[in-house]
C-alpha atoms as a PDB file:
ATOM      1  CA  MET A   1    -109.901 -30.043  17.511  1.00  0.00           C
ATOM      2  CA  LYS A   2    -111.680 -29.262  20.755  1.00  0.00           C
ATOM      3  CA  ALA A   3    -112.137 -25.602  21.732  1.00  0.00           C
ATOM      4  CA  ASP A   4    -110.376 -24.455  24.874  1.00  0.00           C
ATOM      5  CA  ALA A   5    -111.631 -22.029  27.529  1.00  0.00           C
ATOM      6  CA  LYS A   6    -109.353 -19.201  26.411  1.00  0.00           C
ATOM      7  CA  GLY A   7    -110.643 -19.470  22.852  1.00  0.00           C
ATOM      8  CA  ILE A   8    -114.241 -19.319  24.068  1.00  0.00           C
ATOM      9  CA  ASP A   9    -113.453 -16.490  26.483  1.00  0.00           C
ATOM     10  CA  ALA A  10    -111.948 -14.500  23.612  1.00  0.00           C
ATOM     11  CA  LEU A  11    -115.358 -14.511  21.894  1.00  0.00           C
ATOM     12  CA  LEU A  12    -117.321 -13.319  24.941  1.00  0.00           C
ATOM     13  CA  PRO A  13    -118.055  -9.589  25.389  1.00  0.00           C
ATOM     14  CA  GLN A  14    -116.300  -9.445  28.804  1.00  0.00           C
ATOM     15  CA  THR A  15    -119.094  -7.572  30.556  1.00  0.00           C
ATOM     16  CA  GLN A  16    -118.440  -9.843  33.590  1.00  0.00           C
ATOM     17  CA  CYS A  17    -122.179  -9.472  34.305  1.00  0.00           C
ATOM     18  CA  GLN A  18    -122.722 -12.931  35.836  1.00  0.00           C
ATOM     19  CA  GLU A  19    -126.013 -13.361  33.939  1.00  0.00           C
ATOM     20  CA  CYS A  20    -124.754 -16.711  32.679  1.00  0.00           C
ATOM     21  CA  GLY A  21    -124.704 -17.967  36.268  1.00  0.00           C
ATOM     22  CA  TYR A  22    -120.912 -17.816  36.623  1.00  0.00           C
ATOM     23  CA  SER A  23    -118.729 -15.268  38.377  1.00  0.00           C
ATOM     24  CA  ALA A  24    -117.200 -13.930  35.155  1.00  0.00           C
ATOM     25  CA  CYS A  25    -116.726 -14.670  31.465  1.00  0.00           C
ATOM     26  CA  LEU A  26    -113.762 -17.034  31.856  1.00  0.00           C
ATOM     27  CA  PRO A  27    -115.486 -19.350  34.368  1.00  0.00           C
ATOM     28  CA  TYR A  28    -118.448 -19.508  31.972  1.00  0.00           C
ATOM     29  CA  ALA A  29    -116.069 -20.447  29.147  1.00  0.00           C
ATOM     30  CA  GLU A  30    -114.505 -23.138  31.339  1.00  0.00           C
ATOM     31  CA  ALA A  31    -117.971 -24.528  32.130  1.00  0.00           C
ATOM     32  CA  ILE A  32    -118.764 -24.726  28.401  1.00  0.00           C
ATOM     33  CA  VAL A  33    -115.562 -26.708  27.831  1.00  0.00           C
ATOM     34  CA  ARG A  34    -116.492 -29.091  30.653  1.00  0.00           C
ATOM     35  CA  GLY A  35    -119.941 -29.557  29.091  1.00  0.00           C
ATOM     36  CA  GLU A  36    -121.762 -28.185  32.147  1.00  0.00           C
ATOM     37  CA  ILE A  37    -123.660 -25.472  30.304  1.00  0.00           C
ATOM     38  CA  ASP A  38    -124.622 -24.562  26.766  1.00  0.00           C
ATOM     39  CA  ILE A  39    -123.455 -21.659  24.607  1.00  0.00           C
ATOM     40  CA  ALA A  40    -126.690 -19.665  24.937  1.00  0.00           C
ATOM     41  CA  ARG A  41    -126.190 -18.017  28.325  1.00  0.00           C
ATOM     42  CA  CYS A  42    -124.450 -14.764  27.357  1.00  0.00           C
ATOM     43  CA  ALA A  43    -127.262 -12.182  27.419  1.00  0.00           C
ATOM     44  CA  PRO A  44    -125.112  -9.192  26.409  1.00  0.00           C
ATOM     45  CA  GLY A  45    -123.428 -11.150  23.623  1.00  0.00           C
ATOM     46  CA  GLY A  46    -126.602 -11.736  21.668  1.00  0.00           C
ATOM     47  CA  ILE A  47    -126.851 -13.622  18.387  1.00  0.00           C
ATOM     48  CA  GLU A  48    -123.419 -12.462  17.224  1.00  0.00           C
ATOM     49  CA  THR A  49    -121.669 -14.113  20.179  1.00  0.00           C
ATOM     50  CA  LEU A  50    -123.887 -17.194  19.943  1.00  0.00           C
ATOM     51  CA  GLU A  51    -122.973 -17.706  16.290  1.00  0.00           C
ATOM     52  CA  ALA A  52    -119.264 -17.167  16.963  1.00  0.00           C
ATOM     53  CA  LEU A  53    -119.363 -19.713  19.792  1.00  0.00           C
ATOM     54  CA  ALA A  54    -121.295 -22.185  17.617  1.00  0.00           C
ATOM     55  CA  ARG A  55    -118.677 -21.924  14.857  1.00  0.00           C
ATOM     56  CA  LEU A  56    -115.862 -22.446  17.340  1.00  0.00           C
ATOM     57  CA  MET A  57    -117.600 -25.384  19.048  1.00  0.00           C
ATOM     58  CA  HIS A  58    -118.814 -26.895  15.733  1.00  0.00           C
ATOM     59  CA  VAL A  59    -122.445 -26.932  16.875  1.00  0.00           C
ATOM     60  CA  ASP A  60    -125.642 -25.647  15.339  1.00  0.00           C
ATOM     61  CA  ALA A  61    -126.677 -22.236  16.693  1.00  0.00           C
ATOM     62  CA  ALA A  62    -130.276 -22.505  15.417  1.00  0.00           C
ATOM     63  CA  PRO A  63    -131.766 -24.311  18.460  1.00  0.00           C
ATOM     64  CA  TYR A  64    -130.482 -21.551  20.746  1.00  0.00           C
ATOM     65  CA  LYS A  65    -131.433 -18.452  18.754  1.00  0.00           C
ATOM     66  CA  ALA A  66    -134.919 -17.867  20.179  1.00  0.00           C
ATOM     67  CA  GLU A  67    -133.640 -18.128  23.747  1.00  0.00           C
ATOM     68  CA  VAL A  68    -130.725 -15.791  23.057  1.00  0.00           C
ATOM     69  CA  GLN A  69    -132.961 -13.231  21.359  1.00  0.00           C
ATOM     70  CA  GLN A  70    -135.286 -13.303  24.365  1.00  0.00           C
ATOM     71  CA  ARG A  71    -132.448 -12.799  26.862  1.00  0.00           C
ATOM     72  CA  TYR A  72    -130.494 -10.216  24.826  1.00  0.00           C
ATOM     73  CA  ARG A  73    -130.270  -6.726  26.238  1.00  0.00           C
ATOM     74  CA  GLN A  74    -129.084  -3.653  24.411  1.00  0.00           C
ATOM     75  CA  PRO A  75    -125.693  -2.209  25.406  1.00  0.00           C
ATOM     76  CA  SER A  76    -126.054   0.186  28.312  1.00  0.00           C
ATOM     77  CA  VAL A  77    -123.994   2.142  30.807  1.00  0.00           C
ATOM     78  CA  ALA A  78    -124.594   3.001  34.431  1.00  0.00           C
ATOM     79  CA  VAL A  79    -125.289   6.583  35.495  1.00  0.00           C
ATOM     80  CA  ILE A  80    -125.241   7.922  39.063  1.00  0.00           C
ATOM     81  CA  ASP A  81    -127.733  10.580  40.164  1.00  0.00           C
ATOM     82  CA  GLU A  82    -125.180  12.635  42.045  1.00  0.00           C
ATOM     83  CA  ALA A  83    -127.789  14.373  44.209  1.00  0.00           C
ATOM     84  CA  TYR A  84    -128.581  11.067  45.919  1.00  0.00           C
ATOM     85  CA  CYS A  85    -125.132   9.447  46.099  1.00  0.00           C
ATOM     86  CA  ILE A  86    -123.986   9.122  49.732  1.00  0.00           C
ATOM     87  CA  GLY A  87    -120.499   7.814  48.956  1.00  0.00           C
ATOM     88  CA  CYS A  88    -121.021   4.406  50.553  1.00  0.00           C
ATOM     89  CA  LEU A  89    -118.522   2.625  48.235  1.00  0.00           C
ATOM     90  CA  LYS A  90    -120.861  -0.333  47.675  1.00  0.00           C
ATOM     91  CA  CYS A  91    -121.084   0.270  43.931  1.00  0.00           C
ATOM     92  CA  ILE A  92    -117.312   0.620  43.669  1.00  0.00           C
ATOM     93  CA  THR A  93    -116.883  -2.721  45.393  1.00  0.00           C
ATOM     94  CA  ALA A  94    -119.430  -4.369  43.095  1.00  0.00           C
ATOM     95  CA  CYS A  95    -118.040  -3.027  39.824  1.00  0.00           C
ATOM     96  CA  PRO A  96    -115.964  -5.771  38.191  1.00  0.00           C
ATOM     97  CA  VAL A  97    -113.985  -3.431  35.933  1.00  0.00           C
ATOM     98  CA  ASP A  98    -113.250  -0.377  38.120  1.00  0.00           C
ATOM     99  CA  ALA A  99    -115.568   1.854  36.100  1.00  0.00           C
ATOM    100  CA  ILE A 100    -116.734   3.736  39.225  1.00  0.00           C
ATOM    101  CA  VAL A 101    -114.564   6.281  40.997  1.00  0.00           C
ATOM    102  CA  GLY A 102    -115.056   8.127  44.248  1.00  0.00           C
ATOM    103  CA  SER A 103    -114.179   7.870  47.901  1.00  0.00           C
ATOM    104  CA  GLY A 104    -115.994   7.271  51.158  1.00  0.00           C
ATOM    105  CA  LYS A 105    -118.705   9.808  51.927  1.00  0.00           C
ATOM    106  CA  MET A 106    -117.961  11.596  48.669  1.00  0.00           C
ATOM    107  CA  MET A 107    -119.976  11.533  45.475  1.00  0.00           C
ATOM    108  CA  HIS A 108    -119.102   8.749  43.024  1.00  0.00           C
ATOM    109  CA  THR A 109    -119.156   8.857  39.253  1.00  0.00           C
ATOM    110  CA  ILE A 110    -119.158   6.321  36.430  1.00  0.00           C
ATOM    111  CA  LEU A 111    -116.496   6.285  33.731  1.00  0.00           C
ATOM    112  CA  PRO A 112    -118.713   5.546  30.705  1.00  0.00           C
ATOM    113  CA  ASP A 113    -115.811   4.487  28.493  1.00  0.00           C
ATOM    114  CA  ILE A 114    -114.955   1.693  30.949  1.00  0.00           C
ATOM    115  CA  CYS A 115    -118.468   0.703  32.105  1.00  0.00           C
ATOM    116  CA  THR A 116    -119.524  -2.597  30.526  1.00  0.00           C
ATOM    117  CA  GLY A 117    -123.199  -2.238  31.465  1.00  0.00           C
ATOM    118  CA  CYS A 118    -123.076  -5.315  33.711  1.00  0.00           C
ATOM    119  CA  GLU A 119    -125.683  -3.858  36.133  1.00  0.00           C
ATOM    120  CA  LEU A 120    -123.880  -5.319  39.184  1.00  0.00           C
ATOM    121  CA  CYS A 121    -123.777  -1.875  40.820  1.00  0.00           C
ATOM    122  CA  LEU A 122    -127.576  -1.515  40.907  1.00  0.00           C
ATOM    123  CA  LEU A 123    -128.503  -3.957  43.662  1.00  0.00           C
ATOM    124  CA  PRO A 124    -126.021  -2.899  46.374  1.00  0.00           C
ATOM    125  CA  CYS A 125    -126.824   0.825  46.057  1.00  0.00           C
ATOM    126  CA  PRO A 126    -128.803   1.751  49.196  1.00  0.00           C
ATOM    127  CA  THR A 127    -130.227   4.945  47.705  1.00  0.00           C
ATOM    128  CA  ASP A 128    -131.156   3.571  44.260  1.00  0.00           C
ATOM    129  CA  CYS A 129    -129.243   6.445  42.703  1.00  0.00           C
ATOM    130  CA  ILE A 130    -127.805   4.320  39.887  1.00  0.00           C
ATOM    131  CA  SER A 131    -129.693   3.660  36.695  1.00  0.00           C
ATOM    132  CA  MET A 132    -128.875   2.144  33.349  1.00  0.00           C
ATOM    133  CA  VAL A 133    -129.173   4.165  30.173  1.00  0.00           C
ATOM    134  CA  ALA A 134    -128.743   3.095  26.572  1.00  0.00           C
ATOM    135  CA  ALA A 135    -125.139   3.325  25.499  1.00  0.00           C
ATOM    136  CA  ALA A 136    -124.355   5.909  22.881  1.00  0.00           C
ATOM    137  CA  PRO A 137    -124.414   4.340  19.410  1.00  0.00           C
ATOM    138  CA  GLU A 138    -120.717   5.059  18.944  1.00  0.00           C
ATOM    139  CA  LYS A 139    -119.772   3.503  22.290  1.00  0.00           C
ATOM    140  CA  VAL A 140    -118.261   0.097  21.814  1.00  0.00           C
ATOM    141  CA  VAL A 141    -116.753  -1.570  24.860  1.00  0.00           C
ATOM    142  CA  GLN A 142    -113.662  -3.354  23.684  1.00  0.00           C
ATOM    143  CA  ALA A 143    -113.651  -6.842  25.144  1.00  0.00           C
ATOM    144  CA  ASP A 144    -109.862  -6.841  25.521  1.00  0.00           C
ATOM    145  CA  ASP A 145    -109.966  -3.565  27.471  1.00  0.00           C
ATOM    146  CA  ALA A 146    -112.781  -4.829  29.706  1.00  0.00           C
ATOM    147  CA  ARG A 147    -110.880  -8.068  30.362  1.00  0.00           C
ATOM    148  CA  ARG A 148    -107.742  -6.084  31.214  1.00  0.00           C
ATOM    149  CA  HIS A 149    -109.646  -3.875  33.689  1.00  0.00           C
ATOM    150  CA  TYR A 150    -111.299  -6.933  35.251  1.00  0.00           C
ATOM    151  CA  GLU A 151    -108.009  -8.797  35.637  1.00  0.00           C
ATOM    152  CA  ALA A 152    -106.249  -5.713  37.049  1.00  0.00           C
ATOM    153  CA  LYS A 153    -108.927  -5.274  39.703  1.00  0.00           C
ATOM    154  CA  ASN A 154    -108.783  -8.956  40.661  1.00  0.00           C
ATOM    155  CA  LYS A 155    -105.002  -8.871  40.883  1.00  0.00           C
ATOM    156  CA  ARG A 156    -105.142  -5.772  43.106  1.00  0.00           C
ATOM    157  CA  LEU A 157    -107.764  -7.355  45.392  1.00  0.00           C
ATOM    158  CA  GLN A 158    -105.781 -10.597  45.671  1.00  0.00           C
ATOM    159  CA  LYS A 159    -102.612  -8.672  46.511  1.00  0.00           C
ATOM    160  CA  ALA A 160    -104.453  -6.649  49.166  1.00  0.00           C
ATOM    161  CA  ALA A 161    -106.002  -9.791  50.670  1.00  0.00           C
ATOM    162  CA  LYS A 162    -102.624 -11.506  50.769  1.00  0.00           C
ATOM    163  CA  ALA A 163    -100.985  -8.471  52.407  1.00  0.00           C
ATOM    164  CA  LYS A 164    -103.775  -8.265  54.965  1.00  0.00           C
ATOM    165  CA  LYS A 165    -103.433 -11.952  55.781  1.00  0.00           C
ATOM    166  CA  VAL A 166     -99.650 -11.665  56.183  1.00  0.00           C
ATOM    167  CA  ASN A 167     -99.660  -8.420  58.149  1.00  0.00           C
ATOM    168  CA  ALA A 168    -102.806  -8.662  60.247  1.00  0.00           C
ATOM    169  CA  PRO A 169    -102.478 -10.198  63.701  1.00  0.00           C
ATOM    170  CA  ASP A 170    -105.091 -12.816  64.569  1.00  0.00           C
ATOM    171  CA  SER A 171    -106.024 -12.037  68.169  1.00  0.00           C
ATOM    172  CA  ILE A 172    -107.043  -8.753  69.766  1.00  0.00           C
ATOM    173  CA  ALA A 173    -103.983  -8.913  72.045  1.00  0.00           C
ATOM    174  CA  ALA A 174    -101.744  -9.463  69.022  1.00  0.00           C
ATOM    175  CA  GLN A 175    -103.422  -6.530  67.266  1.00  0.00           C
ATOM    176  CA  ARG A 176    -102.728  -4.285  70.273  1.00  0.00           C
ATOM    177  CA  ASP A 177     -99.093  -5.428  70.346  1.00  0.00           C
ATOM    178  CA  TYR A 178     -98.834  -4.800  66.603  1.00  0.00           C
ATOM    179  CA  ILE A 179    -100.250  -1.277  66.958  1.00  0.00           C
ATOM    180  CA  GLU A 180     -98.028  -0.505  69.951  1.00  0.00           C
ATOM    181  CA  ALA A 181     -94.940  -1.694  68.072  1.00  0.00           C
ATOM    182  CA  ALA A 182     -95.913   0.520  65.126  1.00  0.00           C
ATOM    183  CA  ARG A 183     -96.428   3.497  67.477  1.00  0.00           C
ATOM    184  CA  LEU A 184     -92.993   2.971  69.027  1.00  0.00           C
ATOM    185  CA  ARG A 185     -91.383   2.788  65.578  1.00  0.00           C
ATOM    186  CA  VAL A 186     -92.963   6.115  64.613  1.00  0.00           C
ATOM    187  CA  LEU A 187     -91.809   7.738  67.852  1.00  0.00           C
ATOM    188  CA  ALA A 188     -88.299   6.398  67.322  1.00  0.00           C
ATOM    189  CA  LYS A 189     -88.197   7.811  63.789  1.00  0.00           C
ATOM    190  CA  LYS A 190     -89.316  11.193  65.089  1.00  0.00           C
ATOM    191  CA  GLY A 191     -86.728  11.055  67.857  1.00  0.00           C
ATOM    192  CA  LYS A 192     -89.349  11.414  70.571  1.00  0.00           C
ATOM    193  CA  PRO A 193     -89.306   9.607  73.900  1.00  0.00           C
ATOM    194  CA  ASN A 194     -91.762   6.753  74.509  1.00  0.00           C
ATOM    195  CA  VAL A 195     -94.665   8.464  76.200  1.00  0.00           C
ATOM    196  CA  SER A 196     -97.491   6.083  77.046  1.00  0.00           C
ATOM    197  CA  GLU A 197    -100.880   7.624  77.417  1.00  0.00           C
END
């Protein structure tokens, strides 16, 4: 019986780190099923994930072990040096699992229990105030929780993009008309006369 993408995805650590060359764990799993890539690309998964994938795919893990050991990185979490955070939101946008909280021009912080250690927040940070530290020995990111956070963020972003596409006028003139209509609705609700400035 041939393995399917969901079965492979279930064995991946769900860091969504993109180190495999794909946008997330599920696209990597789909690529394995299509035969586009081998099972040795999950750096955070290490030998344990390699062996689980090999069993599922009925292949020998031995030829891949040296490569996986070389690419493996210890579990880590991101930490923000609050003194240098400028609240630019770039790390929040980059985080695939919503492990960073904060608002514009306000200090951000990392939720260590949610952070998967993907390192995707490092590059966009303009002040280099984010660093990776070894995860506490007792910290174990649950793959199912990480997948749930990742899917929730994607669903929210897709919903926002769809709403923006439906509600946003295309031309500048249409945008002005849209804003003026909204202004008139607010005035009408407040019972105020239409006063154009």
